[in-house]
Amino acid sequence: MKIGITCYPTYGGSGAVATELGIALAARGHEVHFVTYAQPFRLPSFLPRVYFHEVDVGRYPLFEYPPYDLALAVRMHEVVREHQLDVLHCHYAIPHATSAWIARSMLREEGLDVRVVTTLHGTDITIVGQERSFHAITKFSIEKSHAVTAVSEYLRDETYRAFGCVGCNVEVIPNFIDPALYDRQRHRFPIPADVVQGRRVVMHISNFRPVKRVRDVVGTFARINRDVPSLLVMIGDGPERVEAEAEARELGVSEHVMFLGKIDAIAPLLAGADLFLLTSDKESFGLSALEAMASGVPVVGARAGGLPEVVTDGVTGFLCDVGDVEAMARAGSRLLSDRAAWTRVSQAAAADARARFSEATIVGQYEALYERTVREPLALTPVRAMPALTMDDPA
């Protein structure tokens, strides 16, 4: 099968999942074409059957904001025509599914067609899509897709609540991990022992947006560090990084916090972690938490959104109310102070991640979805011949 994938190529869960999905599909023999404005951050320079098509957004004085959605639609149209794609898989409803609808409309004028699959990841539904300016086009783009998936039951239910979407059935296909990649026994922790100095390693990975509440991460860590000498490793970057750094200074733990910035290969870092903190007030799934669990790292986080579908409270980690840093710190300190309890939760987390969210199982679900979608009959729009211009016609 020939599959086009459009995602945000920047640091974040949706781009990571879309890229890993494309890589896994190519390994299964499919031809995969990424169509976006930059190479996805987890995509290596070359892989067999994987292609990257850059979207060039022209700069014109007329446009204060260059229309990426239109440039994307044109590039999708070109790639589908040139490579005879069977499916365009859009990660995020807007603008990607919107652009796919435009591209498909262009193709149908030429007697061609393509199936559109849209995966909803989170803020396209919970934040951006519910803005008054975008609500109608988000609903339209979802309902015009041939198939729609959401990464959690929470996000599926939120989609129905916010948009109705009576014309579509949202199927839940969760995010996934490669069990071999996140086997902590195969990696060597890259942070030197003389830096760790025997402390327990607490970790957080995100895009540092306000929804992640990174000040709560630092606040929780500061309380844990009073009970158990620890090192906080912050991976990622974004608008709230300055706030997190300020919080570390205000709480007097700056010397115990490392900000590493954006790092693609996180499995070796997770292999040396003892605890993972995820304090978000909205979390449609929590891919970073799943990757931590697969690495045998217990998760302490906020009971929000789809995270309870990933972390089983009291078994693979602990969930507390949003903003309750005291409760999160108590849970973290108990785990880090009790080696037997930590081992029990660590082993349960790794086993659960592999049993419910393995790449083989989830990628197979996407393959089955593509096959069902492609089998559905399509009513092609007849090609309309354009009248030839004469010398008297206006150009």
Protein backbone atom coordinates (compact mmCIF):
# COMPACT_ATOMS: atom_id res chain seq x y z
CA MET A 1 0.00 0.00 0.00
CA LYS A 2 1.15 3.58 -0.66
CA ILE A 3 0.52 5.86 2.29
CA GLY A 4 1.02 9.60 2.69
CA ILE A 5 1.55 10.94 6.21
CA THR A 6 1.24 14.58 7.23
CA CYS A 7 2.12 15.66 10.76
CA TYR A 8 3.75 18.49 12.64
CA PRO A 9 7.47 17.68 12.31
CA THR A 10 8.41 19.49 15.50
CA TYR A 11 9.14 18.13 18.98
CA GLY A 12 5.98 16.60 20.45
CA GLY A 13 3.93 13.44 20.85
CA SER A 14 1.88 13.62 17.66
CA GLY A 15 4.93 14.08 15.44
CA ALA A 16 6.75 11.27 17.23
CA VAL A 17 3.86 8.84 16.84
CA ALA A 18 3.24 9.75 13.20
CA THR A 19 6.91 9.29 12.36
CA GLU A 20 7.27 6.01 14.24
CA LEU A 21 4.10 4.78 12.51
CA GLY A 22 5.53 5.60 9.10
CA ILE A 23 8.81 3.86 9.90
CA ALA A 24 6.97 0.77 11.15
CA LEU A 25 4.72 0.68 8.08
CA ALA A 26 7.74 0.87 5.79
CA ALA A 27 9.35 -2.00 7.69
CA ARG A 28 6.21 -4.02 6.91
CA GLY A 29 6.63 -3.41 3.20
CA HIS A 30 4.44 -0.35 2.63
CA GLU A 31 5.61 2.73 0.74
CA VAL A 32 5.43 5.80 2.99
CA HIS A 33 5.54 9.45 1.92
CA PHE A 34 5.86 12.19 4.55
CA VAL A 35 4.41 15.51 3.36
CA THR A 36 5.19 18.43 5.64
CA TYR A 37 7.24 21.64 5.90
CA ALA A 38 10.31 20.03 7.51
CA GLN A 39 11.69 16.57 8.01
CA PRO A 40 10.04 15.01 11.11
CA PHE A 41 12.37 15.14 14.10
CA ARG A 42 12.41 11.35 14.61
CA LEU A 43 12.91 10.49 10.94
CA PRO A 44 16.46 9.34 10.07
CA SER A 45 18.12 10.66 6.95
CA PHE A 46 17.34 7.53 4.94
CA LEU A 47 15.16 4.46 5.28
CA PRO A 48 14.02 2.03 2.58
CA ARG A 49 10.51 2.81 1.23
CA VAL A 50 10.33 6.11 3.16
CA TYR A 51 10.22 9.42 1.29
CA PHE A 52 10.00 13.03 2.42
CA HIS A 53 8.28 15.76 0.38
CA GLU A 54 8.85 19.28 1.66
CA VAL A 55 6.07 21.84 1.54
CA ASP A 56 7.44 25.12 0.25
CA VAL A 57 5.52 28.11 1.58
CA GLY A 58 6.24 31.06 -0.67
CA ARG A 59 6.81 34.50 0.82
CA TYR A 60 4.77 37.22 -0.84
CA PRO A 61 4.28 40.84 0.32
CA LEU A 62 0.52 40.34 -0.04
CA PHE A 63 0.45 37.76 2.80
CA GLU A 64 1.15 38.88 6.33
CA TYR A 65 0.89 35.18 7.25
CA PRO A 66 1.84 32.78 4.43
CA PRO A 67 -1.00 30.27 3.78
CA TYR A 68 0.65 26.98 4.78
CA ASP A 69 -2.64 25.08 4.53
CA LEU A 70 -2.99 25.96 0.84
CA ALA A 71 0.65 25.17 0.06
CA LEU A 72 0.19 21.83 1.86
CA ALA A 73 -2.93 21.03 -0.17
CA VAL A 74 -1.05 21.67 -3.41
CA ARG A 75 1.86 19.47 -2.31
CA MET A 76 -0.52 16.69 -1.24
CA HIS A 77 -2.21 16.89 -4.64
CA GLU A 78 1.17 16.63 -6.38
CA VAL A 79 2.40 13.68 -4.30
CA VAL A 80 -0.84 11.70 -4.67
CA ARG A 81 -0.80 12.19 -8.44
CA GLU A 82 2.88 11.41 -8.90
CA HIS A 83 3.06 8.38 -6.60
CA GLN A 84 -0.54 7.06 -6.83
CA LEU A 85 -1.09 7.09 -3.07
CA ASP A 86 -3.91 4.99 -1.64
CA VAL A 87 -4.28 6.88 1.65
CA LEU A 88 -3.48 10.31 3.06
CA HIS A 89 -3.11 9.94 6.82
CA CYS A 90 -3.43 13.32 8.55
CA HIS A 91 -2.28 13.72 12.14
CA TYR A 92 -4.29 16.66 13.53
CA ALA A 93 -7.59 17.79 12.08
CA ILE A 94 -6.51 21.33 11.25
CA PRO A 95 -4.96 22.29 9.06
CA HIS A 96 -3.89 18.85 7.83
CA ALA A 97 -7.29 17.21 7.25
CA THR A 98 -8.56 20.48 5.81
CA SER A 99 -5.69 20.55 3.32
CA ALA A 100 -6.33 16.91 2.47
CA TRP A 101 -9.97 17.71 1.66
CA ILE A 102 -8.84 20.49 -0.69
CA ALA A 103 -6.29 18.18 -2.33
CA ARG A 104 -8.91 15.47 -2.74
CA SER A 105 -11.36 17.92 -4.29
CA MET A 106 -8.68 18.91 -6.80
CA LEU A 107 -7.98 15.27 -7.59
CA ARG A 108 -11.66 14.45 -8.10
CA GLU A 109 -11.88 17.19 -10.72
CA GLU A 110 -9.26 15.17 -12.61
CA GLY A 111 -11.00 11.82 -12.23
CA LEU A 112 -8.66 10.71 -9.42
CA ASP A 113 -9.24 10.13 -5.73
CA VAL A 114 -7.56 9.23 -2.44
CA ARG A 115 -8.82 8.11 0.96
CA VAL A 116 -8.30 10.46 3.90
CA VAL A 117 -7.69 9.12 7.40
CA THR A 118 -7.49 11.65 10.23
CA THR A 119 -5.97 10.96 13.65
CA LEU A 120 -6.90 13.33 16.46
CA HIS A 121 -4.11 13.85 18.98
CA GLY A 122 -5.30 16.46 21.44
CA THR A 123 -5.06 20.21 21.15
CA ASP A 124 -6.68 20.11 17.71
CA ILE A 125 -9.81 19.07 19.64
CA THR A 126 -9.40 20.30 23.21
CA ILE A 127 -8.00 23.78 22.53
CA VAL A 128 -7.53 25.02 18.95
CA GLY A 129 -10.54 23.30 17.42
CA GLN A 130 -12.89 24.76 20.03
CA GLU A 131 -11.86 28.33 19.29
CA ARG A 132 -14.78 30.13 17.66
CA SER A 133 -12.66 30.92 14.60
CA PHE A 134 -11.84 27.24 13.97
CA HIS A 135 -14.79 25.25 15.34
CA ALA A 136 -16.76 24.97 12.09
CA ILE A 137 -13.78 24.06 9.90
CA THR A 138 -12.56 21.50 12.45
CA LYS A 139 -15.97 19.79 12.51
CA PHE A 140 -16.14 19.92 8.70
CA SER A 141 -12.67 18.43 8.26
CA ILE A 142 -13.37 15.58 10.67
CA GLU A 143 -16.67 14.69 9.03
CA LYS A 144 -15.19 14.82 5.51
CA SER A 145 -12.52 12.25 6.41
CA HIS A 146 -13.13 8.67 5.31
CA ALA A 147 -11.97 7.39 8.71
CA VAL A 148 -11.21 9.13 12.01
CA THR A 149 -9.21 7.85 14.97
CA ALA A 150 -8.44 9.27 18.39
CA VAL A 151 -5.55 8.27 20.63
CA SER A 152 -7.71 7.76 23.72
CA GLU A 153 -11.29 7.19 24.81
CA TYR A 154 -11.13 10.55 26.55
CA LEU A 155 -10.29 12.32 23.28
CA ARG A 156 -12.95 10.40 21.36
CA ASP A 157 -15.61 11.40 23.89
CA GLU A 158 -14.38 15.00 23.91
CA THR A 159 -14.66 15.07 20.11
CA TYR A 160 -18.28 13.95 20.23
CA ARG A 161 -19.04 16.41 23.04
CA ALA A 162 -17.42 19.42 21.39
CA PHE A 163 -18.32 18.80 17.75
CA GLY A 164 -21.13 16.30 17.57
CA CYS A 165 -19.68 14.84 14.39
CA VAL A 166 -22.79 12.80 13.68
CA GLY A 167 -21.42 11.93 10.25
CA CYS A 168 -18.40 9.97 11.52
CA ASN A 169 -17.38 7.15 13.78
CA VAL A 170 -14.27 7.92 15.82
CA GLU A 171 -12.24 4.76 16.42
CA VAL A 172 -9.80 4.64 19.33
CA ILE A 173 -6.30 3.52 18.32
CA PRO A 174 -3.83 4.41 21.08
CA ASN A 175 -0.22 5.47 20.78
CA PHE A 176 2.43 2.76 20.88
CA ILE A 177 6.03 1.91 21.71
CA ASP A 178 8.71 -0.36 20.30
CA PRO A 179 9.36 -2.75 23.23
CA ALA A 180 12.91 -3.49 22.09
CA LEU A 181 13.85 0.19 21.91
CA TYR A 182 12.64 0.91 25.44
CA ASP A 183 14.28 -2.09 27.08
CA ARG A 184 16.36 -0.35 29.75
CA GLN A 185 18.82 -3.23 29.89
CA ARG A 186 20.12 -2.50 26.38
CA HIS A 187 21.11 1.13 27.05
CA ARG A 188 23.88 2.86 28.93
CA PHE A 189 22.73 5.97 30.80
CA PRO A 190 24.52 8.89 29.10
CA ILE A 191 24.74 11.18 32.14
CA PRO A 192 28.09 10.52 33.88
CA ALA A 193 28.10 8.98 37.34
CA ASP A 194 30.07 11.91 38.75
CA VAL A 195 27.17 14.17 37.77
CA VAL A 196 24.48 11.90 39.22
CA GLN A 197 26.53 11.43 42.42
CA GLY A 198 24.42 8.53 43.63
CA ARG A 199 21.18 10.51 43.59
CA ARG A 200 17.86 9.15 42.33
CA VAL A 201 17.02 10.43 38.85
CA VAL A 202 13.64 12.10 38.31
CA MET A 203 12.72 12.93 34.70
CA HIS A 204 10.27 15.02 32.68
CA ILE A 205 9.92 15.17 28.89
CA SER A 206 7.61 17.61 27.08
CA ASN A 207 7.29 20.60 24.77
CA PHE A 208 7.15 22.91 27.81
CA ARG A 209 3.81 24.45 26.84
CA PRO A 210 1.55 25.93 29.55
CA VAL A 211 -0.65 22.82 29.56
CA LYS A 212 2.31 20.77 30.84
CA ARG A 213 2.52 22.82 34.08
CA VAL A 214 6.30 22.52 34.27
CA ARG A 215 6.43 24.71 37.38
CA ASP A 216 4.51 21.91 39.10
CA VAL A 217 7.17 19.46 37.90
CA VAL A 218 9.85 21.54 39.61
CA GLY A 219 7.71 22.10 42.70
CA THR A 220 7.05 18.37 43.04
CA PHE A 221 10.72 17.59 42.60
CA ALA A 222 11.80 20.15 45.22
CA ARG A 223 9.61 18.40 47.81
CA ILE A 224 10.87 14.94 46.77
CA ASN A 225 14.47 16.16 47.00
CA ARG A 226 13.94 17.13 50.64
CA ASP A 227 13.14 13.49 51.43
CA VAL A 228 15.33 11.65 48.92
CA PRO A 229 18.47 13.22 47.37
CA SER A 230 17.60 13.42 43.69
CA LEU A 231 18.50 14.91 40.32
CA LEU A 232 15.78 16.33 38.04
CA VAL A 233 16.44 15.92 34.30
CA MET A 234 14.23 18.13 32.12
CA ILE A 235 14.15 17.15 28.43
CA GLY A 236 12.53 19.34 25.78
CA ASP A 237 12.01 23.02 25.26
CA GLY A 238 9.25 25.54 24.79
CA PRO A 239 7.64 28.73 26.09
CA GLU A 240 7.52 27.67 29.75
CA ARG A 241 11.16 26.68 30.10
CA VAL A 242 12.07 30.11 31.49
CA GLU A 243 9.32 29.73 34.10
CA ALA A 244 10.61 26.31 35.09
CA GLU A 245 14.15 27.65 35.46
CA ALA A 246 12.82 30.54 37.57
CA GLU A 247 10.88 28.12 39.79
CA ALA A 248 14.03 26.05 40.36
CA ARG A 249 15.91 29.18 41.47
CA GLU A 250 13.08 30.34 43.73
CA LEU A 251 12.86 26.94 45.41
CA GLY A 252 16.62 26.67 45.80
CA VAL A 253 17.07 23.52 43.72
CA SER A 254 18.80 24.91 40.63
CA GLU A 255 21.96 22.92 41.29
CA HIS A 256 19.85 19.73 41.30
CA VAL A 257 18.07 20.40 37.98
CA MET A 258 19.45 19.79 34.49
CA PHE A 259 17.76 21.29 31.41
CA LEU A 260 18.96 19.28 28.42
CA GLY A 261 16.83 20.86 25.68
CA LYS A 262 15.40 18.91 22.76
CA ILE A 263 16.80 15.40 22.40
CA ASP A 264 15.55 12.88 19.85
CA ALA A 265 16.98 9.68 21.35
CA ILE A 266 15.31 9.55 24.76
CA ALA A 267 15.40 5.78 25.38
CA PRO A 268 18.98 5.84 26.78
CA LEU A 269 18.00 8.67 29.14
CA LEU A 270 14.84 6.91 30.33
CA ALA A 271 16.96 3.80 30.96
CA GLY A 272 18.64 5.62 33.84
CA ALA A 273 15.54 7.25 35.32
CA ASP A 274 13.95 6.22 38.62
CA LEU A 275 10.77 8.31 38.40
CA PHE A 276 8.86 10.17 35.67
CA LEU A 277 6.73 13.24 36.42
CA LEU A 278 3.86 14.38 34.18
CA THR A 279 1.80 17.12 35.82
CA SER A 280 -0.28 18.34 32.83
CA ASP A 281 -3.77 19.74 33.30
CA LYS A 282 -4.77 18.28 29.91
CA GLU A 283 -3.18 15.17 28.46
CA SER A 284 -4.97 13.48 25.59
CA PHE A 285 -2.83 10.37 25.97
CA GLY A 286 0.61 10.89 27.51
CA LEU A 287 3.11 9.34 25.10
CA SER A 288 6.08 10.35 27.23
CA ALA A 289 4.51 8.55 30.19
CA LEU A 290 4.05 5.42 28.08
CA GLU A 291 7.69 5.56 26.93
CA ALA A 292 8.75 5.89 30.56
CA MET A 293 6.61 2.92 31.59
CA ALA A 294 8.04 0.81 28.77
CA SER A 295 11.48 1.65 30.18
CA GLY A 296 10.42 0.43 33.61
CA VAL A 297 10.11 3.95 35.04
CA PRO A 298 7.15 4.46 37.42
CA VAL A 299 5.04 7.50 36.56
CA VAL A 300 3.65 10.05 38.99
CA GLY A 301 1.27 12.49 37.36
CA ALA A 302 -2.00 14.37 37.29
CA ARG A 303 -5.32 12.59 36.89
CA ALA A 304 -6.26 14.41 33.70
CA GLY A 305 -7.56 13.59 30.24
CA GLY A 306 -6.41 10.28 28.84
CA LEU A 307 -3.51 9.69 31.24
CA PRO A 308 -5.59 7.36 33.48
CA GLU A 309 -6.00 5.13 30.39
CA VAL A 310 -2.21 4.78 30.27
CA VAL A 311 -1.17 4.78 33.94
CA THR A 312 -3.00 2.39 36.25
CA ASP A 313 -3.12 4.25 39.56
CA GLY A 314 -1.38 2.31 42.33
CA VAL A 315 -0.07 -0.35 39.94
CA THR A 316 2.11 1.21 37.23
CA GLY A 317 2.35 4.62 38.87
CA PHE A 318 0.35 7.11 40.90
CA LEU A 319 -2.14 9.76 39.82
CA CYS A 320 -3.15 12.80 41.86
CA ASP A 321 -5.36 15.85 41.36
CA VAL A 322 -4.10 18.50 38.95
CA GLY A 323 -1.91 20.99 40.84
CA ASP A 324 -1.58 18.88 43.99
CA VAL A 325 2.22 18.92 44.12
CA GLU A 326 2.21 17.82 47.77
CA ALA A 327 0.39 14.58 46.94
CA MET A 328 2.58 13.94 43.90
CA ALA A 329 5.70 14.53 45.98
CA ARG A 330 4.51 12.12 48.68
CA ALA A 331 3.86 9.43 46.09
CA GLY A 332 7.25 10.00 44.49
CA SER A 333 9.13 10.00 47.77
CA ARG A 334 7.46 6.76 48.90
CA LEU A 335 8.51 5.02 45.69
CA LEU A 336 12.07 6.29 45.76
CA SER A 337 12.47 5.39 49.44
CA ASP A 338 11.20 1.81 49.14
CA ARG A 339 13.29 -0.29 46.74
CA ALA A 340 10.90 -3.27 46.89
CA ALA A 341 7.90 -1.07 46.06
CA TRP A 342 9.83 0.65 43.26
CA THR A 343 10.81 -2.69 41.73
CA ARG A 344 7.24 -3.94 41.87
CA VAL A 345 5.84 -0.84 40.14
CA SER A 346 8.71 -0.71 37.65
CA GLN A 347 8.14 -4.30 36.54
CA ALA A 348 4.37 -3.79 36.34
CA ALA A 349 4.81 -0.64 34.25
CA ALA A 350 7.11 -2.32 31.72
CA ALA A 351 4.88 -5.39 31.43
CA ASP A 352 1.71 -3.33 31.01
CA ALA A 353 3.23 -1.09 28.33
CA ARG A 354 4.30 -4.11 26.34
CA ALA A 355 1.01 -5.96 26.76
CA ARG A 356 -1.32 -3.10 25.80
CA PHE A 357 0.68 -0.70 23.65
CA SER A 358 3.20 -2.70 21.62
CA GLU A 359 4.06 -1.50 18.13
CA ALA A 360 3.11 -4.81 16.53
CA THR A 361 -0.44 -4.65 17.88
CA ILE A 362 -1.18 -0.98 17.25
CA VAL A 363 0.41 -0.70 13.81
CA GLY A 364 -1.62 -3.74 12.82
CA GLN A 365 -4.76 -1.84 13.82
CA TYR A 366 -3.81 1.02 11.50
CA GLU A 367 -3.12 -1.43 8.67
CA ALA A 368 -6.56 -2.97 9.13
CA LEU A 369 -8.13 0.49 9.13
CA TYR A 370 -6.37 1.44 5.89
CA GLU A 371 -7.50 -1.79 4.25
CA ARG A 372 -11.13 -1.28 5.27
CA THR A 373 -11.04 2.31 4.10
CA VAL A 374 -9.47 1.50 0.74
CA ARG A 375 -12.06 -1.22 0.09
CA GLU A 376 -14.90 1.29 0.37
CA PRO A 377 -16.21 2.29 -3.07
CA LEU A 378 -15.54 5.82 -4.25
CA ALA A 379 -17.78 7.84 -6.57
CA LEU A 380 -15.42 9.67 -8.85
CA THR A 381 -16.27 13.06 -10.25
CA PRO A 382 -16.15 12.97 -14.07
CA VAL A 383 -13.34 14.92 -15.66
CA ARG A 384 -14.69 18.19 -16.95
CA ALA A 385 -13.12 19.40 -20.17
CA MET A 386 -12.09 23.03 -20.05
CA PRO A 387 -13.09 25.11 -23.07
CA ALA A 388 -10.15 26.17 -25.19
CA LEU A 389 -9.27 29.82 -25.11
CA THR A 390 -9.45 31.83 -28.35
CA MET A 391 -7.71 35.04 -29.19
CA ASP A 392 -10.92 36.87 -28.30
CA ASP A 393 -11.19 35.32 -24.85
CA PRO A 394 -9.75 37.19 -21.87
CA ALA A 395 -6.54 35.55 -20.63
